[in-house]
Amino acid sequence: MTFNRNADVSGNRATRRGRNAAIAGGGVAGVGGLIVLLLALFTGGDFSSLLGGGTGGQPAPGQETEIGQCETGADANENDDCRLAAASLAIDQYWEQTLEGYRAPQLVIVDGSTPTACGTASNATGPFYCPPEETVYIDPTFFGVLRQQFGAEAGPLAQLYVLAHEYGHHVQRITGIMDRYPNNGTGPTSNGVRTELQADCFAGAWVAAMAQQTDQNGVPFLQEPTEQQIRDALDAAAVVGDDHIQAQSGFVNPESWTHGSSEQRQRWFSTGFRDGVGACDTFAASGSSL
């Protein structure tokens, strides 16, 4: 995935908030720490206590600022923060064209940690969507962790898959899907898993259409994704599968799943990519076809 260098991305509403606070102890060591980070990546839960430390208590809100040096597609190609901020324009435009009455969420790039209505957003919680605030929180340092310590590519399109997944939860919020299908526990066919797989499907649908979104001058924000970039996004979906994460600890328990297996996550992303939003009704799928 590459932004067109002359695309105008200056209209994004993303902000940076928080303070530059690292997890106590100077970082994450060993497979156990990696499992915690991967658990946190898509769950939005705070697992910092499992790392032998915390962020030092409740952080101050911190100053909220605009994302600097984020004016063009060339900027987005060079910087993770700008890439996410710029992509929010394309994702919002897609949903405005797809969903009547769509309203954009706020995107906050987390710098260290910041309090939210859904708990602390930090490098110990990973990307998440906070429904009461209608806000997506994302800490780009996770991509570095996945690249450097876990072996995942976590390239540009994989990063945008993660972002589009969280925007998928916003769509579920504003369309009432979250209210119609409340959390009913864990397991491979639970509402929680179906919710996550639908967000993967929504992300796939956007990726298929991403090159159709244009700036105010009619310049496409993004170029068509390559096959390698699609594989990278699918790899990211596999890495955050419940079975893959649990296998790192030596025990896989499907009844505890909250997000779906690697195979499910890849398949529903591919379904959205191939067939569009209309094929993303995971709640209508039988257990055997989920």
Protein backbone atom coordinates (compact mmCIF):
# COMPACT_ATOMS: atom_id res chain seq x y z
CA MET A 1 0.00 0.00 0.00
CA THR A 2 1.42 3.34 -1.05
CA PHE A 3 -0.06 6.82 -0.86
CA ASN A 4 0.13 8.93 -3.98
CA ARG A 5 2.90 11.38 -3.16
CA ASN A 6 0.93 14.48 -4.18
CA ALA A 7 -2.34 13.50 -2.46
CA ASP A 8 -3.56 16.19 -0.07
CA VAL A 9 -4.03 14.62 3.38
CA SER A 10 -3.97 17.87 5.33
CA GLY A 11 -7.70 17.69 6.09
CA ASN A 12 -7.39 14.80 8.54
CA ARG A 13 -8.79 15.34 12.06
CA ALA A 14 -6.42 12.98 13.88
CA THR A 15 -4.72 14.23 17.02
CA ARG A 16 -1.87 13.07 19.22
CA ARG A 17 -2.43 12.78 22.94
CA GLY A 18 -0.73 11.36 26.00
CA ARG A 19 2.66 11.44 27.57
CA ASN A 20 5.78 9.55 26.63
CA ALA A 21 5.49 6.90 29.34
CA ALA A 22 7.09 3.49 28.88
CA ILE A 23 6.16 0.31 30.70
CA ALA A 24 8.13 0.00 33.92
CA GLY A 25 11.20 -2.17 33.58
CA GLY A 26 12.39 -0.73 30.30
CA GLY A 27 10.49 -2.94 27.87
CA VAL A 28 9.13 -6.42 27.22
CA ALA A 29 11.29 -9.50 27.46
CA GLY A 30 10.69 -12.99 26.13
CA VAL A 31 7.73 -14.79 24.60
CA GLY A 32 5.50 -14.10 27.61
CA GLY A 33 5.73 -10.37 27.06
CA LEU A 34 5.03 -10.79 23.37
CA ILE A 35 1.91 -12.80 24.11
CA VAL A 36 0.71 -10.04 26.40
CA LEU A 37 1.28 -7.46 23.70
CA LEU A 38 -0.54 -9.53 21.10
CA LEU A 39 -3.42 -10.18 23.49
CA ALA A 40 -3.66 -6.46 24.00
CA LEU A 41 -3.36 -5.61 20.33
CA PHE A 42 -6.98 -6.22 19.41
CA THR A 43 -8.69 -6.76 22.75
CA GLY A 44 -8.38 -3.27 24.18
CA GLY A 45 -7.70 -4.78 27.58
CA ASP A 46 -5.00 -3.57 29.93
CA PHE A 47 -2.56 -6.44 30.48
CA SER A 48 0.26 -4.30 31.86
CA SER A 49 0.10 -6.09 35.21
CA LEU A 50 1.23 -9.28 33.46
CA LEU A 51 4.42 -7.57 32.40
CA GLY A 52 5.74 -7.29 35.92
CA GLY A 53 5.02 -3.60 36.17
CA GLY A 54 2.72 -0.86 35.01
CA THR A 55 2.72 2.60 33.60
CA GLY A 56 3.15 4.13 37.02
CA GLY A 57 -0.48 4.80 37.90
CA GLN A 58 -3.17 6.83 36.18
CA PRO A 59 -1.55 9.17 33.67
CA ALA A 60 -2.33 12.80 33.23
CA PRO A 61 -4.43 13.52 30.14
CA GLY A 62 -1.55 15.21 28.35
CA GLN A 63 -1.71 17.84 25.69
CA GLU A 64 -3.70 17.15 22.53
CA THR A 65 -1.97 18.30 19.38
CA GLU A 66 -2.33 17.92 15.63
CA ILE A 67 -0.24 15.37 13.79
CA GLY A 68 2.73 17.38 12.56
CA GLN A 69 4.34 17.15 9.12
CA CYS A 70 1.31 15.42 7.64
CA GLU A 71 0.29 17.36 4.56
CA THR A 72 0.86 15.05 1.60
CA GLY A 73 0.87 11.41 0.63
CA ALA A 74 4.66 11.58 0.63
CA ASP A 75 4.51 12.44 4.35
CA ALA A 76 2.18 9.49 4.95
CA ASN A 77 4.60 7.12 3.21
CA GLU A 78 7.41 8.20 5.53
CA ASN A 79 5.75 8.31 8.95
CA ASP A 80 3.51 5.85 10.81
CA ASP A 81 1.56 8.59 12.62
CA CYS A 82 0.85 10.46 9.40
CA ARG A 83 0.04 7.22 7.57
CA LEU A 84 -2.72 6.43 10.06
CA ALA A 85 -4.01 10.02 10.10
CA ALA A 86 -4.08 10.16 6.30
CA ALA A 87 -5.78 6.79 6.00
CA SER A 88 -8.59 8.01 8.26
CA LEU A 89 -9.60 10.37 5.45
CA ALA A 90 -9.95 7.50 2.99
CA ILE A 91 -11.76 5.25 5.46
CA ASP A 92 -14.23 7.99 6.42
CA GLN A 93 -14.88 8.80 2.77
CA TYR A 94 -15.54 5.11 2.01
CA TRP A 95 -18.09 4.79 4.79
CA GLU A 96 -19.74 8.10 3.90
CA GLN A 97 -20.31 6.67 0.42
CA THR A 98 -21.37 3.26 1.73
CA LEU A 99 -23.45 3.98 4.83
CA GLU A 100 -26.19 6.59 4.92
CA GLY A 101 -25.89 8.81 7.99
CA TYR A 102 -22.30 7.86 8.69
CA ARG A 103 -20.48 10.12 11.12
CA ALA A 104 -16.74 9.98 11.51
CA PRO A 105 -15.12 8.88 14.78
CA GLN A 106 -12.22 10.76 16.32
CA LEU A 107 -8.78 9.23 15.82
CA VAL A 108 -6.25 9.70 18.61
CA ILE A 109 -2.62 8.68 18.11
CA VAL A 110 -1.45 7.69 21.58
CA ASP A 111 1.93 8.96 22.71
CA GLY A 112 2.79 6.84 25.74
CA SER A 113 -0.55 6.74 27.55
CA THR A 114 -3.76 8.69 28.05
CA PRO A 115 -6.97 8.14 30.06
CA THR A 116 -10.20 7.41 28.18
CA ALA A 117 -13.78 6.53 29.08
CA CYS A 118 -12.83 2.91 28.33
CA GLY A 119 -9.71 2.80 30.50
CA THR A 120 -6.13 3.80 29.86
CA ALA A 121 -4.93 3.83 26.27
CA SER A 122 -1.25 2.99 26.23
CA ASN A 123 1.47 0.78 24.87
CA ALA A 124 0.09 -1.92 27.19
CA THR A 125 -3.43 -1.93 25.71
CA GLY A 126 -2.95 -1.63 21.99
CA PRO A 127 -5.39 -0.23 19.43
CA PHE A 128 -9.04 -0.10 20.46
CA TYR A 129 -12.34 1.63 19.80
CA CYS A 130 -14.07 3.34 22.72
CA PRO A 131 -17.85 3.35 22.04
CA PRO A 132 -18.94 6.02 24.56
CA GLU A 133 -16.46 8.48 23.05
CA GLU A 134 -16.80 7.21 19.46
CA THR A 135 -13.02 7.40 19.33
CA VAL A 136 -10.30 5.12 17.97
CA TYR A 137 -7.09 5.01 20.00
CA ILE A 138 -3.96 3.57 18.46
CA ASP A 139 -0.32 3.46 19.56
CA PRO A 140 1.93 3.00 16.48
CA THR A 141 4.72 1.50 18.60
CA PHE A 142 2.90 -1.84 18.37
CA PHE A 143 3.87 -2.12 14.73
CA GLY A 144 7.52 -1.87 15.70
CA VAL A 145 7.05 -4.57 18.33
CA LEU A 146 5.46 -6.91 15.80
CA ARG A 147 8.19 -6.24 13.26
CA GLN A 148 11.22 -6.38 15.51
CA GLN A 149 10.30 -8.93 18.16
CA PHE A 150 7.66 -11.23 16.68
CA GLY A 151 8.75 -11.54 13.06
CA ALA A 152 5.59 -10.10 11.51
CA GLU A 153 6.09 -7.73 8.61
CA ALA A 154 3.53 -5.22 9.95
CA GLY A 155 3.97 -3.22 6.77
CA PRO A 156 1.90 -0.22 5.70
CA LEU A 157 -1.18 -2.14 4.54
CA ALA A 158 -1.16 -4.32 7.65
CA GLN A 159 -1.15 -1.13 9.72
CA LEU A 160 -4.15 0.20 7.82
CA TYR A 161 -5.94 -3.14 8.23
CA VAL A 162 -5.63 -2.67 12.00
CA LEU A 163 -6.99 0.88 11.71
CA ALA A 164 -9.85 -0.11 9.39
CA HIS A 165 -10.77 -2.93 11.79
CA GLU A 166 -11.26 -0.40 14.60
CA TYR A 167 -13.30 1.85 12.30
CA GLY A 168 -15.41 -1.25 11.62
CA HIS A 169 -16.32 -1.28 15.30
CA HIS A 170 -17.43 2.34 14.97
CA VAL A 171 -19.75 1.31 12.15
CA GLN A 172 -21.16 -1.42 14.38
CA ARG A 173 -21.73 1.17 17.09
CA ILE A 174 -23.58 3.74 15.00
CA THR A 175 -25.69 1.18 13.12
CA GLY A 176 -26.87 -0.52 16.33
CA ILE A 177 -25.13 -3.84 15.69
CA MET A 178 -23.40 -3.68 19.08
CA ASP A 179 -26.76 -3.19 20.80
CA ARG A 180 -28.49 -5.98 18.86
CA TYR A 181 -25.74 -8.49 19.55
CA PRO A 182 -24.36 -7.80 23.04
CA ASN A 183 -21.46 -9.76 24.46
CA ASN A 184 -22.67 -13.22 25.48
CA GLY A 185 -19.41 -14.67 26.70
CA THR A 186 -16.50 -16.28 24.91
CA GLY A 187 -16.12 -19.12 22.44
CA PRO A 188 -15.71 -19.67 18.70
CA THR A 189 -19.35 -18.80 17.89
CA SER A 190 -19.90 -16.11 20.54
CA ASN A 191 -21.20 -12.66 19.69
CA GLY A 192 -17.80 -11.25 20.62
CA VAL A 193 -16.05 -13.38 17.99
CA ARG A 194 -18.73 -12.57 15.40
CA THR A 195 -18.30 -8.86 16.16
CA GLU A 196 -14.54 -9.05 15.62
CA LEU A 197 -14.81 -11.12 12.44
CA GLN A 198 -17.31 -8.65 11.01
CA ALA A 199 -14.86 -5.81 11.71
CA ASP A 200 -12.22 -7.82 9.82
CA CYS A 201 -14.66 -8.23 6.94
CA PHE A 202 -15.43 -4.49 6.91
CA ALA A 203 -11.68 -3.82 6.81
CA GLY A 204 -11.28 -6.13 3.83
CA ALA A 205 -14.11 -4.36 1.99
CA TRP A 206 -12.39 -1.00 2.48
CA VAL A 207 -9.00 -2.32 1.36
CA ALA A 208 -10.60 -3.51 -1.91
CA ALA A 209 -11.98 -0.01 -2.51
CA MET A 210 -9.17 2.08 -1.00
CA ALA A 211 -7.76 3.34 -4.31
CA GLN A 212 -11.16 4.83 -5.22
CA GLN A 213 -11.05 7.44 -2.46
CA THR A 214 -9.77 10.85 -3.56
CA ASP A 215 -8.67 14.14 -2.06
CA GLN A 216 -10.39 17.48 -2.70
CA ASN A 217 -8.54 17.78 -6.01
CA GLY A 218 -9.62 14.37 -7.27
CA VAL A 219 -6.23 12.73 -6.65
CA PRO A 220 -6.59 9.20 -5.24
CA PHE A 221 -5.24 8.98 -1.71
CA LEU A 222 -3.86 5.50 -2.23
CA GLN A 223 -2.53 3.28 -4.98
CA GLU A 224 -3.93 -0.20 -5.58
CA PRO A 225 -2.48 -2.65 -3.05
CA THR A 226 -0.06 -5.23 -4.39
CA GLU A 227 -0.42 -8.96 -3.87
CA GLN A 228 2.49 -8.87 -1.41
CA GLN A 229 0.80 -6.13 0.60
CA ILE A 230 -2.43 -8.15 0.73
CA ARG A 231 -0.44 -11.13 1.99
CA ASP A 232 1.09 -8.89 4.64
CA ALA A 233 -2.37 -7.84 5.81
CA LEU A 234 -3.48 -11.48 5.90
CA ASP A 235 -0.37 -12.35 7.90
CA ALA A 236 -1.29 -9.64 10.40
CA ALA A 237 -4.78 -11.16 10.69
CA ALA A 238 -3.23 -14.56 11.37
CA VAL A 239 -0.82 -13.25 14.01
CA VAL A 240 -3.70 -11.87 16.09
CA GLY A 241 -5.84 -15.00 15.81
CA ASP A 242 -6.82 -16.39 19.21
CA ASP A 243 -5.43 -19.84 18.43
CA HIS A 244 -2.11 -18.42 17.24
CA ILE A 245 -1.73 -16.28 20.35
CA GLN A 246 -2.67 -19.15 22.69
CA ALA A 247 -0.33 -21.56 20.91
CA GLN A 248 2.60 -19.42 22.02
CA SER A 249 1.81 -20.45 25.59
CA GLY A 250 1.36 -24.12 24.66
CA PHE A 251 -2.41 -24.46 25.20
CA VAL A 252 -5.25 -23.64 22.78
CA ASN A 253 -8.75 -23.37 24.27
CA PRO A 254 -11.42 -22.39 21.71
CA GLU A 255 -14.00 -21.82 24.45
CA SER A 256 -11.98 -18.84 25.66
CA TRP A 257 -11.73 -17.18 22.25
CA THR A 258 -12.81 -13.56 21.95
CA HIS A 259 -11.66 -12.64 18.42
CA GLY A 260 -11.60 -15.81 16.32
CA SER A 261 -8.96 -18.12 14.95
CA SER A 262 -6.27 -17.13 12.48
CA GLU A 263 -8.14 -18.97 9.73
CA GLN A 264 -11.40 -17.20 10.55
CA ARG A 265 -9.82 -13.78 10.64
CA GLN A 266 -8.07 -14.28 7.31
CA ARG A 267 -11.19 -15.75 5.71
CA TRP A 268 -13.52 -12.94 6.77
CA PHE A 269 -11.01 -10.28 5.70
CA SER A 270 -10.84 -12.05 2.34
CA THR A 271 -14.64 -12.25 2.17
CA GLY A 272 -14.95 -8.49 2.56
CA PHE A 273 -12.14 -7.89 0.08
CA ARG A 274 -13.74 -10.15 -2.52
CA ASP A 275 -17.48 -9.57 -1.99
CA GLY A 276 -17.84 -6.23 -0.19
CA VAL A 277 -19.74 -5.06 2.88
CA GLY A 278 -22.92 -6.91 1.91
CA ALA A 279 -21.19 -10.23 2.58
CA CYS A 280 -20.14 -9.30 6.13
CA ASP A 281 -23.12 -10.55 8.16
CA THR A 282 -21.17 -12.80 10.51
CA PHE A 283 -24.17 -12.97 12.84
CA ALA A 284 -26.18 -14.86 10.20
CA ALA A 285 -23.45 -17.45 9.68
CA SER A 286 -23.95 -20.87 11.21
CA GLY A 287 -21.34 -22.21 13.58
CA SER A 288 -19.84 -24.47 10.96
CA SER A 289 -19.50 -21.68 8.40
CA LEU A 290 -18.34 -18.98 10.80
